[in-house]
Amino acid sequence: MVTKGSIRRKNKETFQEVITLRKKGHSYSEIIEKTGVAKSTINSWITYAGLNLSPEHLKIQSKKRLENHERATIASKITKDRKRKVEIDKFVQSMKKHLNDPFFVGGIMLYEAEGSKGDSCNFSNSDYRVCVVYLKFLRKYIDVDDSNLAYRLYIHDSRKKDLERVKNYWTKKLSVKKDVFSVSWKHNSVSKKRNNMDYVGQINIGVIKIPYLSRKLLQVSGIILKKYQKL
């Protein structure tokens, strides 16, 4: 049982510190960190002191929690950005030995022209030759295998009857199984001249499970473009 005498015997100064901190809106965890007093003891002392947080103190406490959350979010972002930069720099250094290889440069330029520019690594085209070369580039220089590849067909909804033919076309051209394709239907109108048997839609080749690959490829692309801009 907490009494005035027991508090004096244990540590009057610590008791006063705990009460002062609580009045300032500090949480139990913050008081424990500052004083080293057990949570059960803090609770007993606060109860004995008849201390109930006022709306003002509760507001202070809420503000402190928000500030702590914001600091943690910023710290997490800084850590993530630093990790990403290190990984991208490491990739760029490992690729520098290929900068005079025409096939490597060609693959990078294909991505620069037809690849996504965000965090996801997607490449889209309707020319199977370009897609085959891009896949060969990925497999040779980036160590991509089938487990890292995701294929999606984009087909105009007016050509639904051609789905199987289009799937068969890309299956043969890319040397993959028919069941690897996901399908998205495009709803925009098309001109009559595209209503022909040569229509094969558009293929999207995505690379998964390789962090920051789009940023890595674009970083290397920047080096190559800068080099040739000076010629």
C-alpha atoms as a PDB file:
ATOM      1  CA  MET A   1       0.000   0.000   0.000  1.00  0.00           C
ATOM      2  CA  VAL A   2       1.318   3.412  -0.942  1.00  0.00           C
ATOM      3  CA  THR A   3       1.407   5.969   1.865  1.00  0.00           C
ATOM      4  CA  LYS A   4       3.123   9.284   2.430  1.00  0.00           C
ATOM      5  CA  GLY A   5       5.595   7.538   4.685  1.00  0.00           C
ATOM      6  CA  SER A   6       6.385   4.773   2.208  1.00  0.00           C
ATOM      7  CA  ILE A   7       6.994   7.298  -0.553  1.00  0.00           C
ATOM      8  CA  ARG A   8       9.369   9.249   1.683  1.00  0.00           C
ATOM      9  CA  ARG A   9      11.207   6.078   2.609  1.00  0.00           C
ATOM     10  CA  LYS A  10      11.507   4.835  -0.968  1.00  0.00           C
ATOM     11  CA  ASN A  11      12.373   7.989  -2.888  1.00  0.00           C
ATOM     12  CA  LYS A  12      10.555  11.247  -2.494  1.00  0.00           C
ATOM     13  CA  GLU A  13      12.493  12.955  -5.295  1.00  0.00           C
ATOM     14  CA  THR A  14      11.680  10.219  -7.779  1.00  0.00           C
ATOM     15  CA  PHE A  15       8.035  10.358  -6.751  1.00  0.00           C
ATOM     16  CA  GLN A  16       7.960  14.095  -7.403  1.00  0.00           C
ATOM     17  CA  GLU A  17       9.699  13.586 -10.767  1.00  0.00           C
ATOM     18  CA  VAL A  18       7.123  10.989 -11.811  1.00  0.00           C
ATOM     19  CA  ILE A  19       4.222  13.251 -10.846  1.00  0.00           C
ATOM     20  CA  THR A  20       5.782  16.254 -12.622  1.00  0.00           C
ATOM     21  CA  LEU A  21       6.360  14.273 -15.801  1.00  0.00           C
ATOM     22  CA  ARG A  22       2.807  12.977 -15.753  1.00  0.00           C
ATOM     23  CA  LYS A  23       1.442  16.484 -15.303  1.00  0.00           C
ATOM     24  CA  LYS A  24       3.412  17.511 -18.395  1.00  0.00           C
ATOM     25  CA  GLY A  25       1.576  14.857 -20.381  1.00  0.00           C
ATOM     26  CA  HIS A  26       4.281  12.185 -20.554  1.00  0.00           C
ATOM     27  CA  SER A  27       3.160   8.609 -21.165  1.00  0.00           C
ATOM     28  CA  TYR A  28       3.996   5.706 -18.852  1.00  0.00           C
ATOM     29  CA  SER A  29       6.662   4.442 -21.276  1.00  0.00           C
ATOM     30  CA  GLU A  30       8.311   7.870 -21.381  1.00  0.00           C
ATOM     31  CA  ILE A  31       8.293   8.121 -17.570  1.00  0.00           C
ATOM     32  CA  ILE A  32       9.789   4.630 -17.283  1.00  0.00           C
ATOM     33  CA  GLU A  33      12.528   5.592 -19.734  1.00  0.00           C
ATOM     34  CA  LYS A  34      13.376   8.789 -17.839  1.00  0.00           C
ATOM     35  CA  THR A  35      13.129   7.472 -14.260  1.00  0.00           C
ATOM     36  CA  GLY A  36      13.585   3.716 -14.420  1.00  0.00           C
ATOM     37  CA  VAL A  37      10.550   3.242 -12.145  1.00  0.00           C
ATOM     38  CA  ALA A  38       8.362   0.178 -12.782  1.00  0.00           C
ATOM     39  CA  LYS A  39       4.991   0.737 -14.444  1.00  0.00           C
ATOM     40  CA  SER A  40       3.080  -0.715 -11.481  1.00  0.00           C
ATOM     41  CA  THR A  41       4.827   1.713  -9.112  1.00  0.00           C
ATOM     42  CA  ILE A  42       4.161   4.664 -11.400  1.00  0.00           C
ATOM     43  CA  ASN A  43       0.490   3.705 -11.533  1.00  0.00           C
ATOM     44  CA  SER A  44       0.306   3.450  -7.730  1.00  0.00           C
ATOM     45  CA  TRP A  45       2.005   6.797  -7.217  1.00  0.00           C
ATOM     46  CA  ILE A  46      -0.230   8.562  -9.745  1.00  0.00           C
ATOM     47  CA  THR A  47      -3.316   7.038  -8.154  1.00  0.00           C
ATOM     48  CA  TYR A  48      -2.123   8.075  -4.673  1.00  0.00           C
ATOM     49  CA  ALA A  49      -1.511  11.617  -5.914  1.00  0.00           C
ATOM     50  CA  GLY A  50      -5.066  11.749  -7.229  1.00  0.00           C
ATOM     51  CA  LEU A  51      -3.669  12.843 -10.561  1.00  0.00           C
ATOM     52  CA  ASN A  52      -6.071  12.711 -13.456  1.00  0.00           C
ATOM     53  CA  LEU A  53      -4.916  14.141 -16.754  1.00  0.00           C
ATOM     54  CA  SER A  54      -6.786  17.245 -17.757  1.00  0.00           C
ATOM     55  CA  PRO A  55      -8.034  17.703 -21.328  1.00  0.00           C
ATOM     56  CA  GLU A  56      -5.030  19.957 -21.855  1.00  0.00           C
ATOM     57  CA  HIS A  57      -2.623  17.260 -20.690  1.00  0.00           C
ATOM     58  CA  LEU A  58      -4.363  14.648 -22.816  1.00  0.00           C
ATOM     59  CA  LYS A  59      -3.967  16.961 -25.807  1.00  0.00           C
ATOM     60  CA  ILE A  60      -0.244  17.311 -25.061  1.00  0.00           C
ATOM     61  CA  GLN A  61       0.106  13.550 -24.811  1.00  0.00           C
ATOM     62  CA  SER A  62      -1.744  13.045 -28.090  1.00  0.00           C
ATOM     63  CA  LYS A  63       0.490  15.615 -29.779  1.00  0.00           C
ATOM     64  CA  LYS A  64       3.620  13.883 -28.473  1.00  0.00           C
ATOM     65  CA  ARG A  65       2.405  10.518 -29.800  1.00  0.00           C
ATOM     66  CA  LEU A  66       1.789  12.096 -33.205  1.00  0.00           C
ATOM     67  CA  GLU A  67       5.232  13.709 -33.209  1.00  0.00           C
ATOM     68  CA  ASN A  68       6.857  10.399 -32.257  1.00  0.00           C
ATOM     69  CA  HIS A  69       4.985   8.668 -35.075  1.00  0.00           C
ATOM     70  CA  GLU A  70       6.071  11.312 -37.585  1.00  0.00           C
ATOM     71  CA  ARG A  71       9.699  11.021 -36.460  1.00  0.00           C
ATOM     72  CA  ALA A  72       9.549   7.240 -36.809  1.00  0.00           C
ATOM     73  CA  THR A  73       8.020   7.555 -40.292  1.00  0.00           C
ATOM     74  CA  ILE A  74      10.723   9.984 -41.419  1.00  0.00           C
ATOM     75  CA  ALA A  75      13.469   7.767 -39.978  1.00  0.00           C
ATOM     76  CA  SER A  76      12.013   4.731 -41.745  1.00  0.00           C
ATOM     77  CA  LYS A  77      11.896   6.597 -45.067  1.00  0.00           C
ATOM     78  CA  ILE A  78      15.495   7.760 -44.675  1.00  0.00           C
ATOM     79  CA  THR A  79      16.598   4.187 -43.958  1.00  0.00           C
ATOM     80  CA  LYS A  80      14.652   2.864 -46.948  1.00  0.00           C
ATOM     81  CA  ASP A  81      16.041   5.555 -49.282  1.00  0.00           C
ATOM     82  CA  ARG A  82      19.574   4.862 -48.090  1.00  0.00           C
ATOM     83  CA  LYS A  83      19.147   1.116 -48.653  1.00  0.00           C
ATOM     84  CA  ARG A  84      17.741   1.723 -52.139  1.00  0.00           C
ATOM     85  CA  LYS A  85      20.607   4.039 -53.077  1.00  0.00           C
ATOM     86  CA  VAL A  86      23.213   1.520 -51.911  1.00  0.00           C
ATOM     87  CA  GLU A  87      21.579  -1.276 -53.896  1.00  0.00           C
ATOM     88  CA  ILE A  88      21.230   0.835 -57.051  1.00  0.00           C
ATOM     89  CA  ASP A  89      24.848   2.057 -56.814  1.00  0.00           C
ATOM     90  CA  LYS A  90      26.034  -1.526 -56.386  1.00  0.00           C
ATOM     91  CA  PHE A  91      24.085  -2.588 -59.491  1.00  0.00           C
ATOM     92  CA  VAL A  92      25.448   0.289 -61.575  1.00  0.00           C
ATOM     93  CA  GLN A  93      29.021  -0.540 -60.593  1.00  0.00           C
ATOM     94  CA  SER A  94      28.491  -4.197 -61.559  1.00  0.00           C
ATOM     95  CA  MET A  95      27.099  -3.183 -64.982  1.00  0.00           C
ATOM     96  CA  LYS A  96      29.867  -0.757 -65.955  1.00  0.00           C
ATOM     97  CA  LYS A  97      31.880  -3.572 -67.507  1.00  0.00           C
ATOM     98  CA  HIS A  98      29.133  -3.944 -70.142  1.00  0.00           C
ATOM     99  CA  LEU A  99      28.940  -0.304 -71.234  1.00  0.00           C
ATOM    100  CA  ASN A 100      30.851  -0.988 -74.450  1.00  0.00           C
ATOM    101  CA  ASP A 101      28.807  -4.103 -75.258  1.00  0.00           C
ATOM    102  CA  PRO A 102      26.357  -3.222 -78.093  1.00  0.00           C
ATOM    103  CA  PHE A 103      23.802  -5.820 -76.994  1.00  0.00           C
ATOM    104  CA  PHE A 104      23.801  -4.515 -73.420  1.00  0.00           C
ATOM    105  CA  VAL A 105      23.496  -0.908 -74.565  1.00  0.00           C
ATOM    106  CA  GLY A 106      20.698  -1.910 -76.948  1.00  0.00           C
ATOM    107  CA  GLY A 107      18.768  -3.634 -74.147  1.00  0.00           C
ATOM    108  CA  ILE A 108      19.112  -0.638 -71.862  1.00  0.00           C
ATOM    109  CA  MET A 109      17.928   1.685 -74.615  1.00  0.00           C
ATOM    110  CA  LEU A 110      14.925  -0.555 -75.281  1.00  0.00           C
ATOM    111  CA  TYR A 111      13.928  -0.167 -71.649  1.00  0.00           C
ATOM    112  CA  GLU A 112      14.536   3.579 -71.756  1.00  0.00           C
ATOM    113  CA  ALA A 113      12.188   3.836 -74.747  1.00  0.00           C
ATOM    114  CA  GLU A 114       9.463   1.336 -73.854  1.00  0.00           C
ATOM    115  CA  GLY A 115       9.872   0.590 -70.153  1.00  0.00           C
ATOM    116  CA  SER A 116       7.977   1.993 -67.186  1.00  0.00           C
ATOM    117  CA  LYS A 117       9.571   4.874 -65.307  1.00  0.00           C
ATOM    118  CA  GLY A 118       8.174   4.190 -61.831  1.00  0.00           C
ATOM    119  CA  ASP A 119       9.002   1.575 -59.194  1.00  0.00           C
ATOM    120  CA  SER A 120       7.570  -1.345 -61.172  1.00  0.00           C
ATOM    121  CA  CYS A 121       9.640  -2.807 -63.994  1.00  0.00           C
ATOM    122  CA  ASN A 122       7.327  -3.201 -66.995  1.00  0.00           C
ATOM    123  CA  PHE A 123       8.098  -3.260 -70.702  1.00  0.00           C
ATOM    124  CA  SER A 124       5.367  -3.063 -73.364  1.00  0.00           C
ATOM    125  CA  ASN A 125       5.432  -3.517 -77.124  1.00  0.00           C
ATOM    126  CA  SER A 126       3.496  -5.148 -79.940  1.00  0.00           C
ATOM    127  CA  ASP A 127       6.547  -6.127 -82.029  1.00  0.00           C
ATOM    128  CA  TYR A 128       7.590  -9.653 -81.068  1.00  0.00           C
ATOM    129  CA  ARG A 129      11.154  -9.055 -82.292  1.00  0.00           C
ATOM    130  CA  VAL A 130      11.661  -6.225 -79.836  1.00  0.00           C
ATOM    131  CA  CYS A 131      10.187  -8.322 -77.020  1.00  0.00           C
ATOM    132  CA  VAL A 132      12.409 -11.317 -77.816  1.00  0.00           C
ATOM    133  CA  VAL A 133      15.535  -9.142 -77.777  1.00  0.00           C
ATOM    134  CA  TYR A 134      14.472  -7.534 -74.487  1.00  0.00           C
ATOM    135  CA  LEU A 135      13.933 -10.956 -72.883  1.00  0.00           C
ATOM    136  CA  LYS A 136      17.339 -12.148 -74.080  1.00  0.00           C
ATOM    137  CA  PHE A 137      18.856  -9.003 -72.586  1.00  0.00           C
ATOM    138  CA  LEU A 138      17.208  -9.663 -69.207  1.00  0.00           C
ATOM    139  CA  ARG A 139      18.310 -13.283 -69.109  1.00  0.00           C
ATOM    140  CA  LYS A 140      21.887 -12.550 -70.142  1.00  0.00           C
ATOM    141  CA  TYR A 141      22.722  -9.505 -68.038  1.00  0.00           C
ATOM    142  CA  ILE A 142      20.180  -9.341 -65.184  1.00  0.00           C
ATOM    143  CA  ASP A 143      20.014 -13.076 -64.351  1.00  0.00           C
ATOM    144  CA  VAL A 144      16.243 -13.108 -64.839  1.00  0.00           C
ATOM    145  CA  ASP A 145      14.553 -16.494 -65.133  1.00  0.00           C
ATOM    146  CA  ASP A 146      10.945 -17.621 -65.633  1.00  0.00           C
ATOM    147  CA  SER A 147      10.122 -17.146 -61.941  1.00  0.00           C
ATOM    148  CA  ASN A 148      10.882 -13.426 -62.302  1.00  0.00           C
ATOM    149  CA  LEU A 149       8.706 -12.830 -65.357  1.00  0.00           C
ATOM    150  CA  ALA A 150       5.030 -11.899 -65.573  1.00  0.00           C
ATOM    151  CA  TYR A 151       3.241 -11.548 -68.914  1.00  0.00           C
ATOM    152  CA  ARG A 152       0.085  -9.559 -69.578  1.00  0.00           C
ATOM    153  CA  LEU A 153      -1.753  -9.205 -72.890  1.00  0.00           C
ATOM    154  CA  TYR A 154      -3.611  -5.991 -73.671  1.00  0.00           C
ATOM    155  CA  ILE A 155      -6.345  -6.625 -76.222  1.00  0.00           C
ATOM    156  CA  HIS A 156      -9.135  -4.364 -77.474  1.00  0.00           C
ATOM    157  CA  ASP A 157     -12.463  -5.664 -76.232  1.00  0.00           C
ATOM    158  CA  SER A 158     -13.752  -5.549 -79.810  1.00  0.00           C
ATOM    159  CA  ARG A 159     -11.298  -8.372 -80.565  1.00  0.00           C
ATOM    160  CA  LYS A 160     -12.360 -10.845 -77.870  1.00  0.00           C
ATOM    161  CA  LYS A 161     -13.004 -13.478 -80.510  1.00  0.00           C
ATOM    162  CA  ASP A 162      -9.285 -13.343 -81.364  1.00  0.00           C
ATOM    163  CA  LEU A 163      -8.089 -14.109 -77.836  1.00  0.00           C
ATOM    164  CA  GLU A 164      -6.973 -17.688 -78.496  1.00  0.00           C
ATOM    165  CA  ARG A 165      -5.275 -16.740 -81.739  1.00  0.00           C
ATOM    166  CA  VAL A 166      -3.433 -13.887 -80.036  1.00  0.00           C
ATOM    167  CA  LYS A 167      -2.369 -16.145 -77.150  1.00  0.00           C
ATOM    168  CA  ASN A 168      -1.110 -18.764 -79.604  1.00  0.00           C
ATOM    169  CA  TYR A 169       0.835 -16.088 -81.461  1.00  0.00           C
ATOM    170  CA  TRP A 170       2.695 -14.829 -78.385  1.00  0.00           C
ATOM    171  CA  THR A 171       3.169 -18.344 -77.016  1.00  0.00           C
ATOM    172  CA  LYS A 172       5.030 -19.277 -80.165  1.00  0.00           C
ATOM    173  CA  LYS A 173       6.994 -16.046 -80.561  1.00  0.00           C
ATOM    174  CA  LEU A 174       8.178 -15.847 -76.945  1.00  0.00           C
ATOM    175  CA  SER A 175       8.558 -19.622 -76.446  1.00  0.00           C
ATOM    176  CA  VAL A 176       6.377 -19.659 -73.326  1.00  0.00           C
ATOM    177  CA  LYS A 177       3.346 -21.621 -72.192  1.00  0.00           C
ATOM    178  CA  LYS A 178      -0.086 -20.270 -72.955  1.00  0.00           C
ATOM    179  CA  ASP A 179      -1.147 -20.222 -69.299  1.00  0.00           C
ATOM    180  CA  VAL A 180       1.477 -17.601 -68.361  1.00  0.00           C
ATOM    181  CA  PHE A 181      -0.607 -14.787 -69.830  1.00  0.00           C
ATOM    182  CA  SER A 182      -2.919 -12.525 -67.881  1.00  0.00           C
ATOM    183  CA  VAL A 183      -5.337 -10.542 -70.037  1.00  0.00           C
ATOM    184  CA  SER A 184      -6.515  -6.934 -69.821  1.00  0.00           C
ATOM    185  CA  TRP A 185      -9.183  -5.572 -72.162  1.00  0.00           C
ATOM    186  CA  LYS A 186      -8.727  -2.150 -73.719  1.00  0.00           C
ATOM    187  CA  HIS A 187     -12.005  -0.243 -74.113  1.00  0.00           C
ATOM    188  CA  ASN A 188     -10.902   2.652 -76.287  1.00  0.00           C
ATOM    189  CA  SER A 189     -12.212   2.766 -79.847  1.00  0.00           C
ATOM    190  CA  VAL A 190      -9.994   1.599 -82.708  1.00  0.00           C
ATOM    191  CA  SER A 191      -9.917   2.425 -86.403  1.00  0.00           C
ATOM    192  CA  LYS A 192     -11.237  -0.075 -88.917  1.00  0.00           C
ATOM    193  CA  LYS A 193      -7.814  -0.649 -90.395  1.00  0.00           C
ATOM    194  CA  ARG A 194      -6.817  -2.463 -87.178  1.00  0.00           C
ATOM    195  CA  ASN A 195      -9.662  -4.958 -87.646  1.00  0.00           C
ATOM    196  CA  ASN A 196      -7.485  -7.458 -89.472  1.00  0.00           C
ATOM    197  CA  MET A 197      -5.986 -10.873 -88.931  1.00  0.00           C
ATOM    198  CA  ASP A 198      -2.578  -9.358 -88.193  1.00  0.00           C
ATOM    199  CA  TYR A 199      -3.846  -7.906 -84.925  1.00  0.00           C
ATOM    200  CA  VAL A 200      -1.930  -9.376 -81.963  1.00  0.00           C
ATOM    201  CA  GLY A 201      -2.620  -6.848 -79.202  1.00  0.00           C
ATOM    202  CA  GLN A 202       0.208  -5.635 -77.007  1.00  0.00           C
ATOM    203  CA  ILE A 203       2.350  -7.614 -74.591  1.00  0.00           C
ATOM    204  CA  ASN A 204       3.581  -6.336 -71.236  1.00  0.00           C
ATOM    205  CA  ILE A 205       6.605  -8.062 -69.746  1.00  0.00           C
ATOM    206  CA  GLY A 206       6.998  -7.424 -66.049  1.00  0.00           C
ATOM    207  CA  VAL A 207       9.972  -8.332 -63.883  1.00  0.00           C
ATOM    208  CA  ILE A 208       9.167  -9.237 -60.287  1.00  0.00           C
ATOM    209  CA  LYS A 209      11.149 -10.181 -57.165  1.00  0.00           C
ATOM    210  CA  ILE A 210      14.115  -7.980 -58.141  1.00  0.00           C
ATOM    211  CA  PRO A 211      13.975  -4.804 -56.014  1.00  0.00           C
ATOM    212  CA  TYR A 212      14.325  -1.404 -57.697  1.00  0.00           C
ATOM    213  CA  LEU A 213      15.116  -2.924 -61.108  1.00  0.00           C
ATOM    214  CA  SER A 214      13.400  -0.133 -63.024  1.00  0.00           C
ATOM    215  CA  ARG A 215      15.430   2.499 -61.167  1.00  0.00           C
ATOM    216  CA  LYS A 216      18.604   0.461 -61.683  1.00  0.00           C
ATOM    217  CA  LEU A 217      18.103   0.176 -65.443  1.00  0.00           C
ATOM    218  CA  LEU A 218      17.240   3.858 -65.775  1.00  0.00           C
ATOM    219  CA  GLN A 219      20.326   4.832 -63.769  1.00  0.00           C
ATOM    220  CA  VAL A 220      22.516   2.905 -66.223  1.00  0.00           C
ATOM    221  CA  SER A 221      20.526   4.412 -69.110  1.00  0.00           C
ATOM    222  CA  GLY A 222      21.363   7.873 -67.822  1.00  0.00           C
ATOM    223  CA  ILE A 223      25.082   7.074 -67.955  1.00  0.00           C
ATOM    224  CA  ILE A 224      24.833   5.792 -71.532  1.00  0.00           C
ATOM    225  CA  LEU A 225      22.737   8.722 -72.752  1.00  0.00           C
ATOM    226  CA  LYS A 226      25.118  11.211 -71.161  1.00  0.00           C
ATOM    227  CA  LYS A 227      28.042   9.523 -72.899  1.00  0.00           C
ATOM    228  CA  TYR A 228      26.469   9.677 -76.364  1.00  0.00           C
ATOM    229  CA  GLN A 229      25.121  13.185 -75.917  1.00  0.00           C
ATOM    230  CA  LYS A 230      28.700  14.387 -75.838  1.00  0.00           C
ATOM    231  CA  LEU A 231      29.627  12.865 -79.194  1.00  0.00           C
END
